[in-house]
């Protein structure tokens, strides 16, 4: 009988953080949660180089780092479609969060954070990155891609509300339904939305 660990390879993580103690704590937390730390960087430039070299499943990147800051590093890593990035910040200002999102960061954590905060941020980041790459494969045109993303987000919201699904589960449901029925994610999202409208209309009668 195969173990769950054998069935699901451990996610490989690159840590980019200029403070050695925080790097150490993070590596310990990640290992305890079943992730594999494949490399560590103390500046943004090294983070980009090591991401290209190791091709991790995820990068955890502090905003304030020497040589190249974490947002610049995140932008390079995500635009090359190497891996999703979780941004670490000591600040929760909206402008920094907005910059992190525009740099392509999929999730962020405000320091100091607990181990219980880490895993949800990682899972959210992995799901959003998978969603982005899946949509890119399905839709080449950027304008159409944005339209499909809006539809998928709306359908995810409906699934979360109606069935109590978590965001990653809602996306995986849409993706799986598309594969099972040989439809595009756009078609599945439209069906979810149409069914919700019909249900609403019936309840209103």
N, C-alpha and C. Protein backbone atom coordinates (compact mmCIF):
# COMPACT_ATOMS: atom_id res chain seq x y z
N UNK A 1 0.85 -1.20 0.00
CA UNK A 1 0.00 0.00 0.00
C UNK A 1 0.88 1.25 0.00
N UNK A 2 0.62 2.18 -0.89
CA UNK A 2 1.44 3.40 -0.96
C UNK A 2 0.99 4.41 0.07
N UNK A 3 1.93 5.12 0.62
CA UNK A 3 1.60 6.16 1.60
C UNK A 3 1.17 7.41 0.88
N UNK A 4 0.52 8.31 1.61
CA UNK A 4 0.08 9.58 1.02
C UNK A 4 1.28 10.39 0.54
N UNK A 5 2.40 10.31 1.32
CA UNK A 5 3.61 11.04 0.96
C UNK A 5 4.16 10.55 -0.37
N UNK A 6 4.02 9.21 -0.62
CA UNK A 6 4.51 8.65 -1.89
C UNK A 6 3.63 9.10 -3.04
N UNK A 7 2.33 9.23 -2.77
CA UNK A 7 1.39 9.65 -3.82
C UNK A 7 1.54 11.13 -4.14
N UNK A 8 1.78 11.94 -3.12
CA UNK A 8 1.88 13.38 -3.33
C UNK A 8 3.29 13.86 -3.01
N UNK A 9 4.10 14.16 -4.04
CA UNK A 9 5.45 14.63 -3.77
C UNK A 9 5.42 15.93 -2.97
N UNK A 10 6.38 16.10 -2.11
CA UNK A 10 6.44 17.30 -1.28
C UNK A 10 6.67 18.53 -2.16
N UNK A 11 5.96 19.61 -1.86
CA UNK A 11 6.14 20.86 -2.60
C UNK A 11 7.51 21.45 -2.26
N UNK A 12 8.22 21.88 -3.29
CA UNK A 12 9.57 22.41 -3.14
C UNK A 12 9.53 23.93 -3.02
N UNK A 13 10.16 24.46 -1.98
CA UNK A 13 10.05 25.89 -1.67
C UNK A 13 11.42 26.57 -1.63
N UNK A 14 11.46 27.77 -2.20
CA UNK A 14 12.64 28.65 -2.10
C UNK A 14 12.29 29.78 -1.13
N UNK A 15 13.16 30.00 -0.14
CA UNK A 15 12.96 31.10 0.82
C UNK A 15 13.92 32.24 0.46
N UNK A 16 13.37 33.45 0.31
CA UNK A 16 14.19 34.64 0.07
C UNK A 16 13.92 35.63 1.20
N UNK A 17 14.87 35.77 2.10
CA UNK A 17 14.71 36.62 3.30
C UNK A 17 16.11 37.01 3.78
N UNK A 18 16.34 38.30 3.98
CA UNK A 18 17.70 38.73 4.34
C UNK A 18 18.03 38.54 5.82
N UNK A 19 17.02 38.28 6.66
CA UNK A 19 17.29 38.05 8.08
C UNK A 19 17.43 36.54 8.34
N UNK A 20 18.64 36.16 8.76
CA UNK A 20 18.95 34.74 8.94
C UNK A 20 18.03 34.00 9.89
N UNK A 21 17.66 34.65 11.00
CA UNK A 21 16.80 33.99 11.99
C UNK A 21 15.42 33.70 11.44
N UNK A 22 14.89 34.67 10.67
CA UNK A 22 13.56 34.48 10.06
C UNK A 22 13.63 33.36 9.02
N UNK A 23 14.72 33.33 8.26
CA UNK A 23 14.91 32.25 7.27
C UNK A 23 14.90 30.89 7.97
N UNK A 24 15.62 30.82 9.10
CA UNK A 24 15.71 29.58 9.87
C UNK A 24 14.34 29.15 10.38
N UNK A 25 13.60 30.12 10.95
CA UNK A 25 12.24 29.83 11.46
C UNK A 25 11.33 29.35 10.35
N UNK A 26 11.40 30.03 9.22
CA UNK A 26 10.56 29.67 8.08
C UNK A 26 10.86 28.27 7.59
N UNK A 27 12.15 27.98 7.46
CA UNK A 27 12.57 26.65 6.98
C UNK A 27 12.06 25.56 7.92
N UNK A 28 12.13 25.84 9.22
CA UNK A 28 11.66 24.88 10.22
C UNK A 28 10.15 24.67 10.11
N UNK A 29 9.41 25.78 10.01
CA UNK A 29 7.95 25.70 9.87
C UNK A 29 7.56 24.91 8.62
N UNK A 30 8.22 25.22 7.50
CA UNK A 30 7.89 24.57 6.23
C UNK A 30 8.17 23.07 6.30
N UNK A 31 9.31 22.71 6.86
CA UNK A 31 9.67 21.29 6.97
C UNK A 31 8.66 20.55 7.84
N UNK A 32 8.27 21.18 8.96
CA UNK A 32 7.29 20.57 9.85
C UNK A 32 5.95 20.35 9.16
N UNK A 33 5.63 21.24 8.21
CA UNK A 33 4.34 21.14 7.50
C UNK A 33 4.44 20.28 6.24
N UNK A 34 5.59 19.65 6.02
CA UNK A 34 5.72 18.70 4.91
C UNK A 34 6.23 19.28 3.61
N UNK A 35 6.74 20.51 3.63
CA UNK A 35 7.33 21.11 2.44
C UNK A 35 8.84 20.85 2.43
N UNK A 36 9.44 20.90 1.26
CA UNK A 36 10.88 20.72 1.13
C UNK A 36 11.53 22.05 0.76
N UNK A 37 12.43 22.54 1.60
CA UNK A 37 13.14 23.79 1.31
C UNK A 37 14.33 23.45 0.42
N UNK A 38 14.30 23.90 -0.84
CA UNK A 38 15.34 23.52 -1.81
C UNK A 38 16.46 24.55 -1.91
N UNK A 39 16.19 25.80 -1.48
CA UNK A 39 17.23 26.84 -1.54
C UNK A 39 16.82 28.03 -0.68
N UNK A 40 17.83 28.80 -0.27
CA UNK A 40 17.60 30.01 0.52
C UNK A 40 18.41 31.15 -0.07
N UNK A 41 17.81 32.35 -0.10
CA UNK A 41 18.49 33.53 -0.65
C UNK A 41 18.40 34.67 0.36
N UNK A 42 19.45 35.50 0.38
CA UNK A 42 19.48 36.64 1.30
C UNK A 42 19.25 37.96 0.59
N UNK A 43 19.08 37.93 -0.76
CA UNK A 43 18.76 39.15 -1.50
C UNK A 43 17.93 38.78 -2.72
N UNK A 44 17.29 39.80 -3.30
CA UNK A 44 16.36 39.56 -4.40
C UNK A 44 17.01 39.01 -5.65
N UNK A 45 18.22 39.46 -5.94
CA UNK A 45 18.93 39.00 -7.14
C UNK A 45 19.22 37.50 -7.04
N UNK A 46 19.69 37.09 -5.85
CA UNK A 46 19.97 35.66 -5.63
C UNK A 46 18.67 34.85 -5.70
N UNK A 47 17.57 35.44 -5.22
CA UNK A 47 16.27 34.76 -5.26
C UNK A 47 15.87 34.43 -6.70
N UNK A 48 16.03 35.40 -7.59
CA UNK A 48 15.68 35.17 -9.01
C UNK A 48 16.59 34.10 -9.61
N UNK A 49 17.89 34.21 -9.33
CA UNK A 49 18.86 33.25 -9.89
C UNK A 49 18.56 31.83 -9.39
N UNK A 50 18.31 31.70 -8.08
CA UNK A 50 18.05 30.38 -7.50
C UNK A 50 16.70 29.81 -7.96
N UNK A 51 15.73 30.70 -8.19
CA UNK A 51 14.43 30.25 -8.71
C UNK A 51 14.60 29.67 -10.11
N UNK A 52 15.40 30.33 -10.93
CA UNK A 52 15.66 29.84 -12.29
C UNK A 52 16.40 28.50 -12.24
N UNK A 53 17.31 28.39 -11.28
CA UNK A 53 18.15 27.20 -11.17
C UNK A 53 17.38 26.00 -10.61
N UNK A 54 16.60 26.21 -9.55
CA UNK A 54 15.94 25.10 -8.86
C UNK A 54 14.51 24.84 -9.33
N UNK A 55 13.88 25.82 -10.01
CA UNK A 55 12.49 25.66 -10.48
C UNK A 55 11.59 25.14 -9.35
N UNK A 56 11.49 25.88 -8.22
CA UNK A 56 10.68 25.42 -7.10
C UNK A 56 9.18 25.49 -7.42
N UNK A 57 8.38 24.88 -6.56
CA UNK A 57 6.92 24.96 -6.71
C UNK A 57 6.41 26.28 -6.14
N UNK A 58 7.19 26.90 -5.25
CA UNK A 58 6.75 28.11 -4.56
C UNK A 58 7.96 28.90 -4.09
N UNK A 59 7.81 30.24 -4.10
CA UNK A 59 8.85 31.12 -3.54
C UNK A 59 8.21 31.96 -2.44
N UNK A 60 8.86 32.00 -1.27
CA UNK A 60 8.44 32.90 -0.20
C UNK A 60 9.48 34.01 -0.14
N UNK A 61 9.03 35.24 -0.32
CA UNK A 61 9.95 36.34 -0.57
C UNK A 61 9.64 37.56 0.29
N UNK A 62 10.63 38.03 1.05
CA UNK A 62 10.46 39.24 1.86
C UNK A 62 10.48 40.46 0.94
N UNK A 63 9.73 41.50 1.29
CA UNK A 63 9.71 42.71 0.46
C UNK A 63 11.04 43.45 0.54
N UNK A 64 11.52 43.69 1.76
CA UNK A 64 12.71 44.52 1.92
C UNK A 64 13.97 43.67 1.95
N UNK A 65 14.67 43.65 0.81
CA UNK A 65 15.93 42.91 0.70
C UNK A 65 16.95 43.74 -0.07
N UNK A 66 18.25 43.49 0.17
CA UNK A 66 19.27 44.25 -0.56
C UNK A 66 19.39 43.85 -2.03
N UNK A 67 20.11 44.66 -2.78
CA UNK A 67 20.42 44.49 -4.22
C UNK A 67 19.16 44.62 -5.08
N UNK A 68 18.18 43.76 -4.85
CA UNK A 68 16.89 43.86 -5.57
C UNK A 68 15.81 43.56 -4.55
N UNK A 69 14.80 44.43 -4.45
CA UNK A 69 13.77 44.17 -3.43
C UNK A 69 12.86 43.01 -3.83
N UNK A 70 12.09 42.56 -2.85
CA UNK A 70 11.26 41.38 -3.06
C UNK A 70 10.20 41.54 -4.12
N UNK A 71 9.70 42.76 -4.29
CA UNK A 71 8.66 42.98 -5.30
C UNK A 71 9.23 42.86 -6.71
N UNK A 72 10.45 43.40 -6.91
CA UNK A 72 11.10 43.26 -8.22
C UNK A 72 11.40 41.78 -8.50
N UNK A 73 11.90 41.10 -7.47
CA UNK A 73 12.21 39.67 -7.62
C UNK A 73 10.94 38.88 -7.93
N UNK A 74 9.86 39.18 -7.21
CA UNK A 74 8.58 38.48 -7.43
C UNK A 74 8.10 38.67 -8.87
N UNK A 75 8.21 39.91 -9.34
CA UNK A 75 7.76 40.22 -10.71
C UNK A 75 8.52 39.38 -11.74
N UNK A 76 9.84 39.27 -11.55
CA UNK A 76 10.66 38.50 -12.49
C UNK A 76 10.33 37.01 -12.43
N UNK A 77 10.14 36.51 -11.21
CA UNK A 77 9.87 35.07 -11.04
C UNK A 77 8.50 34.70 -11.59
N UNK A 78 7.49 35.53 -11.31
CA UNK A 78 6.14 35.22 -11.77
C UNK A 78 6.00 35.45 -13.28
N UNK A 79 6.61 36.53 -13.79
CA UNK A 79 6.47 36.80 -15.23
C UNK A 79 7.16 35.72 -16.06
N UNK A 80 8.18 35.07 -15.49
CA UNK A 80 8.84 33.95 -16.18
C UNK A 80 8.06 32.65 -15.97
N UNK A 81 6.95 32.73 -15.20
CA UNK A 81 6.09 31.58 -14.90
C UNK A 81 6.89 30.44 -14.25
N UNK A 82 7.83 30.82 -13.37
CA UNK A 82 8.62 29.81 -12.66
C UNK A 82 7.81 29.23 -11.51
N UNK A 83 7.24 30.12 -10.69
CA UNK A 83 6.52 29.66 -9.50
C UNK A 83 5.68 30.79 -8.93
N UNK A 84 4.66 30.45 -8.13
CA UNK A 84 3.93 31.50 -7.41
C UNK A 84 4.79 32.07 -6.29
N UNK A 85 4.48 33.29 -5.89
CA UNK A 85 5.26 33.96 -4.83
C UNK A 85 4.33 34.39 -3.69
N UNK A 86 4.73 34.03 -2.47
CA UNK A 86 4.09 34.56 -1.27
C UNK A 86 5.01 35.66 -0.74
N UNK A 87 4.48 36.86 -0.60
CA UNK A 87 5.27 38.00 -0.14
C UNK A 87 5.20 38.13 1.38
N UNK A 88 6.35 38.34 2.00
CA UNK A 88 6.42 38.62 3.44
C UNK A 88 6.64 40.12 3.63
N UNK A 89 5.89 40.71 4.52
CA UNK A 89 6.08 42.14 4.78
C UNK A 89 5.86 42.44 6.26
N UNK A 90 6.61 43.41 6.75
CA UNK A 90 6.42 43.85 8.14
C UNK A 90 5.34 44.92 8.21
N UNK A 91 4.84 45.31 7.05
CA UNK A 91 3.85 46.38 6.97
C UNK A 91 2.59 45.86 6.31
N UNK A 92 1.45 46.41 6.72
CA UNK A 92 0.20 45.99 6.08
C UNK A 92 -0.43 47.14 5.30
N UNK A 93 0.41 48.14 4.91
CA UNK A 93 -0.14 49.28 4.16
C UNK A 93 -0.73 48.83 2.83
N UNK A 94 -1.82 49.46 2.47
CA UNK A 94 -2.53 49.07 1.24
C UNK A 94 -1.69 49.27 -0.01
N UNK A 95 -0.86 50.34 -0.02
CA UNK A 95 -0.09 50.61 -1.24
C UNK A 95 0.93 49.50 -1.48
N UNK A 96 1.52 48.97 -0.38
CA UNK A 96 2.48 47.87 -0.53
C UNK A 96 1.79 46.61 -1.01
N UNK A 97 0.61 46.35 -0.46
CA UNK A 97 -0.15 45.16 -0.86
C UNK A 97 -0.56 45.28 -2.33
N UNK A 98 -0.97 46.48 -2.74
CA UNK A 98 -1.33 46.71 -4.14
C UNK A 98 -0.13 46.49 -5.05
N UNK A 99 1.06 46.98 -4.61
CA UNK A 99 2.28 46.79 -5.39
C UNK A 99 2.64 45.31 -5.48
N UNK A 100 2.43 44.60 -4.37
CA UNK A 100 2.72 43.16 -4.35
C UNK A 100 1.83 42.42 -5.35
N UNK A 101 0.55 42.81 -5.38
CA UNK A 101 -0.38 42.17 -6.31
C UNK A 101 -0.02 42.49 -7.76
N UNK A 102 0.36 43.74 -8.02
CA UNK A 102 0.72 44.11 -9.39
C UNK A 102 2.03 43.46 -9.82
N UNK A 103 2.87 43.11 -8.84
CA UNK A 103 4.12 42.40 -9.14
C UNK A 103 3.86 40.92 -9.43
N UNK A 104 2.64 40.48 -9.17
CA UNK A 104 2.28 39.09 -9.45
C UNK A 104 2.24 38.20 -8.24
N UNK A 105 2.45 38.77 -7.04
CA UNK A 105 2.39 37.96 -5.83
C UNK A 105 0.98 37.40 -5.67
N UNK A 106 0.89 36.13 -5.33
CA UNK A 106 -0.40 35.46 -5.24
C UNK A 106 -1.02 35.55 -3.84
N UNK A 107 -0.16 35.80 -2.83
CA UNK A 107 -0.63 35.92 -1.45
C UNK A 107 0.45 36.66 -0.67
N UNK A 108 0.09 37.16 0.51
CA UNK A 108 1.09 37.83 1.33
C UNK A 108 0.85 37.52 2.80
N UNK A 109 1.91 37.65 3.58
CA UNK A 109 1.85 37.44 5.02
C UNK A 109 2.47 38.64 5.71
N UNK A 110 1.79 39.14 6.74
CA UNK A 110 2.32 40.27 7.51
C UNK A 110 3.05 39.72 8.73
N UNK A 111 4.32 40.12 8.87
CA UNK A 111 5.12 39.69 10.03
C UNK A 111 4.71 40.47 11.28
N UNK A 112 4.76 39.85 12.47
CA UNK A 112 5.07 38.43 12.71
C UNK A 112 3.85 37.56 12.41
N UNK A 113 4.08 36.39 11.85
CA UNK A 113 2.97 35.50 11.52
C UNK A 113 3.16 34.16 12.23
N UNK A 114 2.08 33.42 12.33
CA UNK A 114 2.11 32.10 12.97
C UNK A 114 2.19 31.02 11.89
N UNK A 115 2.56 29.83 12.32
CA UNK A 115 2.61 28.70 11.39
C UNK A 115 1.22 28.45 10.79
N UNK A 116 0.19 28.71 11.60
CA UNK A 116 -1.19 28.49 11.12
C UNK A 116 -1.56 29.46 9.99
N UNK A 117 -0.83 30.60 9.88
CA UNK A 117 -1.09 31.56 8.79
C UNK A 117 -0.36 31.14 7.50
N UNK A 118 0.72 30.39 7.68
CA UNK A 118 1.62 30.09 6.57
C UNK A 118 0.98 29.16 5.53
N UNK A 119 0.44 28.04 6.00
CA UNK A 119 -0.08 27.03 5.07
C UNK A 119 -1.24 27.56 4.21
N UNK A 120 -2.25 28.26 4.80
CA UNK A 120 -3.32 28.80 3.95
C UNK A 120 -2.79 29.76 2.88
N UNK A 121 -1.79 30.59 3.24
CA UNK A 121 -1.22 31.53 2.26
C UNK A 121 -0.52 30.76 1.13
N UNK A 122 0.18 29.69 1.49
CA UNK A 122 0.87 28.87 0.48
C UNK A 122 -0.15 28.20 -0.44
N UNK A 123 -1.17 27.59 0.15
CA UNK A 123 -2.17 26.88 -0.65
C UNK A 123 -2.93 27.83 -1.58
N UNK A 124 -3.24 29.02 -1.06
CA UNK A 124 -3.92 30.03 -1.88
C UNK A 124 -3.03 30.45 -3.05
N UNK A 125 -1.76 30.65 -2.76
CA UNK A 125 -0.80 31.05 -3.78
C UNK A 125 -0.66 29.99 -4.87
N UNK A 126 -0.53 28.74 -4.46
CA UNK A 126 -0.40 27.64 -5.42
C UNK A 126 -1.65 27.53 -6.30
N UNK A 127 -2.82 27.69 -5.67
CA UNK A 127 -4.08 27.59 -6.42
C UNK A 127 -4.21 28.73 -7.43
N UNK A 128 -3.90 29.96 -6.99
CA UNK A 128 -4.03 31.11 -7.90
C UNK A 128 -3.05 31.02 -9.08
N UNK A 129 -1.86 30.51 -8.80
CA UNK A 129 -0.86 30.35 -9.87
C UNK A 129 -1.32 29.28 -10.86
N UNK A 130 -1.86 28.18 -10.33
CA UNK A 130 -2.38 27.11 -11.20
C UNK A 130 -3.52 27.63 -12.05
N UNK A 131 -4.36 28.47 -11.44
CA UNK A 131 -5.49 29.07 -12.16
C UNK A 131 -5.00 29.97 -13.28
N UNK A 132 -4.00 30.80 -12.97
CA UNK A 132 -3.46 31.72 -13.97
C UNK A 132 -2.86 30.97 -15.15
N UNK A 133 -2.06 29.93 -14.87
CA UNK A 133 -1.42 29.19 -15.96
C UNK A 133 -2.45 28.38 -16.75
N UNK A 134 -3.47 27.86 -16.06
CA UNK A 134 -4.52 27.10 -16.75
C UNK A 134 -5.30 28.01 -17.70
N UNK A 135 -5.62 29.22 -17.24
CA UNK A 135 -6.35 30.18 -18.09
C UNK A 135 -5.50 30.61 -19.28
N UNK A 136 -4.20 30.75 -19.06
CA UNK A 136 -3.31 31.15 -20.16
C UNK A 136 -3.25 30.08 -21.23
N UNK A 137 -3.27 28.81 -20.80
CA UNK A 137 -3.24 27.71 -21.78
C UNK A 137 -4.54 27.66 -22.56
N UNK A 138 -5.64 27.98 -21.87
CA UNK A 138 -6.96 27.87 -22.49
C UNK A 138 -7.27 29.06 -23.39
N UNK A 139 -6.85 30.25 -22.98
CA UNK A 139 -7.21 31.48 -23.70
C UNK A 139 -5.94 32.27 -24.03
N UNK A 140 -5.67 32.43 -25.31
CA UNK A 140 -4.45 33.13 -25.71
C UNK A 140 -4.60 34.65 -25.63
N UNK A 141 -5.74 35.17 -26.05
CA UNK A 141 -5.94 36.61 -26.09
C UNK A 141 -6.11 37.18 -24.68
N UNK A 142 -5.34 38.23 -24.37
CA UNK A 142 -5.34 38.80 -23.02
C UNK A 142 -6.72 39.33 -22.61
N UNK A 143 -7.41 40.02 -23.54
CA UNK A 143 -8.74 40.57 -23.23
C UNK A 143 -9.71 39.45 -22.90
N UNK A 144 -9.69 38.38 -23.72
CA UNK A 144 -10.56 37.23 -23.46
C UNK A 144 -10.20 36.57 -22.14
N UNK A 145 -8.89 36.51 -21.84
CA UNK A 145 -8.42 35.88 -20.61
C UNK A 145 -8.97 36.60 -19.38
N UNK A 146 -8.98 37.94 -19.45
CA UNK A 146 -9.52 38.73 -18.34
C UNK A 146 -11.01 38.47 -18.17
N UNK A 147 -11.70 38.34 -19.31
CA UNK A 147 -13.15 38.07 -19.28
C UNK A 147 -13.42 36.70 -18.66
N UNK A 148 -12.61 35.68 -19.06
CA UNK A 148 -12.77 34.33 -18.53
C UNK A 148 -12.44 34.32 -17.04
N UNK A 149 -11.39 35.05 -16.64
CA UNK A 149 -11.03 35.12 -15.22
C UNK A 149 -12.19 35.67 -14.40
N UNK A 150 -12.86 36.72 -14.91
CA UNK A 150 -14.01 37.30 -14.20
C UNK A 150 -15.13 36.27 -14.06
N UNK A 151 -15.39 35.52 -15.14
CA UNK A 151 -16.43 34.49 -15.11
C UNK A 151 -16.08 33.39 -14.11
N UNK A 152 -14.82 32.94 -14.15
CA UNK A 152 -14.38 31.88 -13.25
C UNK A 152 -14.44 32.35 -11.80
N UNK A 153 -14.02 33.61 -11.55
CA UNK A 153 -14.08 34.16 -10.19
C UNK A 153 -15.53 34.21 -9.69
N UNK A 154 -16.44 34.61 -10.60
CA UNK A 154 -17.85 34.70 -10.22
C UNK A 154 -18.40 33.30 -9.91
N UNK A 155 -18.04 32.33 -10.76
CA UNK A 155 -18.51 30.96 -10.55
C UNK A 155 -17.92 30.38 -9.27
N UNK A 156 -16.66 30.69 -9.00
CA UNK A 156 -16.03 30.23 -7.75
C UNK A 156 -16.79 30.78 -6.55
N UNK A 157 -17.11 32.07 -6.61
CA UNK A 157 -17.85 32.72 -5.52
C UNK A 157 -19.18 32.05 -5.27
N UNK A 158 -19.88 31.67 -6.34
CA UNK A 158 -21.18 31.00 -6.21
C UNK A 158 -21.02 29.61 -5.59
N UNK A 159 -20.00 28.88 -6.02
CA UNK A 159 -19.75 27.56 -5.46
C UNK A 159 -19.39 27.65 -3.98
N UNK A 160 -18.61 28.67 -3.64
CA UNK A 160 -18.21 28.87 -2.24
C UNK A 160 -19.43 29.19 -1.38
N UNK A 161 -20.32 30.03 -1.92
CA UNK A 161 -21.52 30.43 -1.17
C UNK A 161 -22.52 29.29 -1.05
N UNK A 162 -22.79 28.62 -2.18
CA UNK A 162 -23.84 27.59 -2.21
C UNK A 162 -23.43 26.28 -1.55
N UNK A 163 -22.15 25.91 -1.71
CA UNK A 163 -21.72 24.59 -1.23
C UNK A 163 -20.67 24.66 -0.13
N UNK A 164 -20.35 25.87 0.31
CA UNK A 164 -19.38 26.02 1.39
C UNK A 164 -17.99 25.58 1.02
N UNK A 165 -17.66 25.66 -0.28
CA UNK A 165 -16.33 25.25 -0.73
C UNK A 165 -15.30 26.31 -0.38
N UNK A 166 -14.07 25.88 -0.17
CA UNK A 166 -12.95 26.82 -0.04
C UNK A 166 -12.57 27.26 -1.45
N UNK A 167 -11.90 28.41 -1.58
CA UNK A 167 -11.55 28.93 -2.92
C UNK A 167 -10.75 27.93 -3.75
N UNK A 168 -9.70 27.28 -3.19
CA UNK A 168 -8.94 26.31 -4.00
C UNK A 168 -9.81 25.16 -4.49
N UNK A 169 -10.73 24.68 -3.61
CA UNK A 169 -11.61 23.56 -3.99
C UNK A 169 -12.58 23.97 -5.10
N UNK A 170 -13.07 25.21 -5.02
CA UNK A 170 -14.00 25.71 -6.05
C UNK A 170 -13.32 25.77 -7.41
N UNK A 171 -12.07 26.25 -7.43
CA UNK A 171 -11.35 26.30 -8.70
C UNK A 171 -11.08 24.90 -9.24
N UNK A 172 -10.64 23.99 -8.33
CA UNK A 172 -10.35 22.62 -8.77
C UNK A 172 -11.62 21.94 -9.31
N UNK A 173 -12.78 22.26 -8.68
CA UNK A 173 -14.04 21.68 -9.15
C UNK A 173 -14.32 22.14 -10.59
N UNK A 174 -14.14 23.43 -10.85
CA UNK A 174 -14.36 23.97 -12.21
C UNK A 174 -13.41 23.32 -13.20
N UNK A 175 -12.14 23.24 -12.80
CA UNK A 175 -11.12 22.66 -13.68
C UNK A 175 -11.42 21.19 -13.99
N UNK A 176 -11.81 20.45 -12.94
CA UNK A 176 -12.11 19.02 -13.11
C UNK A 176 -13.36 18.82 -13.96
N UNK A 177 -14.39 19.64 -13.72
CA UNK A 177 -15.62 19.55 -14.51
C UNK A 177 -15.34 19.82 -16.00
N UNK A 178 -14.46 20.78 -16.25
CA UNK A 178 -14.09 21.10 -17.64
C UNK A 178 -13.41 19.90 -18.30
N UNK A 179 -12.50 19.25 -17.56
CA UNK A 179 -11.79 18.10 -18.12
C UNK A 179 -12.72 16.91 -18.30
N UNK A 180 -13.55 16.65 -17.28
CA UNK A 180 -14.45 15.48 -17.33
C UNK A 180 -15.46 15.57 -18.47
N UNK A 181 -15.96 16.79 -18.72
CA UNK A 181 -17.01 16.97 -19.73
C UNK A 181 -16.46 17.53 -21.05
N UNK A 182 -15.14 17.63 -21.14
CA UNK A 182 -14.47 18.15 -22.35
C UNK A 182 -15.02 19.52 -22.75
N UNK A 183 -15.12 20.37 -21.75
CA UNK A 183 -15.58 21.75 -21.96
C UNK A 183 -14.44 22.69 -21.59
N UNK A 184 -14.59 23.95 -21.97
CA UNK A 184 -13.63 24.95 -21.51
C UNK A 184 -14.06 25.42 -20.12
N UNK A 185 -13.12 26.01 -19.38
CA UNK A 185 -13.48 26.53 -18.06
C UNK A 185 -14.49 27.66 -18.19
N UNK A 186 -14.43 28.39 -19.31
CA UNK A 186 -15.43 29.44 -19.59
C UNK A 186 -16.83 28.83 -19.62
N UNK A 187 -16.97 27.68 -20.34
CA UNK A 187 -18.28 27.03 -20.46
C UNK A 187 -18.79 26.55 -19.10
N UNK A 188 -17.89 25.94 -18.32
CA UNK A 188 -18.28 25.44 -16.99
C UNK A 188 -18.70 26.61 -16.10
N UNK A 189 -17.93 27.69 -16.13
CA UNK A 189 -18.25 28.87 -15.31
C UNK A 189 -19.61 29.44 -15.70
N UNK A 190 -19.87 29.51 -17.01
CA UNK A 190 -21.17 30.02 -17.48
C UNK A 190 -22.32 29.14 -17.01
N UNK A 191 -22.09 27.82 -17.02
CA UNK A 191 -23.14 26.89 -16.57
C UNK A 191 -23.44 27.09 -15.08
N UNK A 192 -22.38 27.25 -14.29
CA UNK A 192 -22.55 27.46 -12.84
C UNK A 192 -23.36 28.74 -12.61
N UNK A 193 -23.00 29.79 -13.35
CA UNK A 193 -23.70 31.09 -13.21
C UNK A 193 -25.16 30.98 -13.65
N UNK A 194 -25.38 30.31 -14.80
CA UNK A 194 -26.75 30.15 -15.32
C UNK A 194 -27.63 29.34 -14.35
N UNK A 195 -27.04 28.27 -13.79
CA UNK A 195 -27.80 27.44 -12.84
C UNK A 195 -28.15 28.23 -11.57
N UNK A 196 -27.23 29.07 -11.14
CA UNK A 196 -27.48 29.89 -9.95
C UNK A 196 -28.60 30.89 -10.23
N UNK A 197 -28.62 31.45 -11.45
CA UNK A 197 -29.68 32.40 -11.83
C UNK A 197 -31.04 31.70 -11.87
N UNK A 198 -31.05 30.49 -12.43
CA UNK A 198 -32.31 29.72 -12.51
C UNK A 198 -32.83 29.40 -11.10
N UNK A 199 -31.92 28.99 -10.23
CA UNK A 199 -32.29 28.67 -8.86
C UNK A 199 -32.86 29.90 -8.14
N UNK A 200 -32.22 31.03 -8.40
CA UNK A 200 -32.65 32.31 -7.79
C UNK A 200 -34.05 32.66 -8.27
N UNK A 201 -34.27 32.48 -9.59
CA UNK A 201 -35.58 32.82 -10.19
C UNK A 201 -36.68 31.92 -9.62
N UNK A 202 -36.34 30.61 -9.46
CA UNK A 202 -37.32 29.67 -8.92
C UNK A 202 -37.69 30.01 -7.46
N UNK A 203 -36.68 30.40 -6.70
CA UNK A 203 -36.91 30.76 -5.30
C UNK A 203 -37.73 32.05 -5.16
N UNK A 204 -37.60 32.92 -6.18
CA UNK A 204 -38.31 34.20 -6.15
C UNK A 204 -39.79 34.04 -6.49
N UNK A 205 -40.12 32.93 -7.19
CA UNK A 205 -41.53 32.71 -7.62
C UNK A 205 -42.43 32.40 -6.43
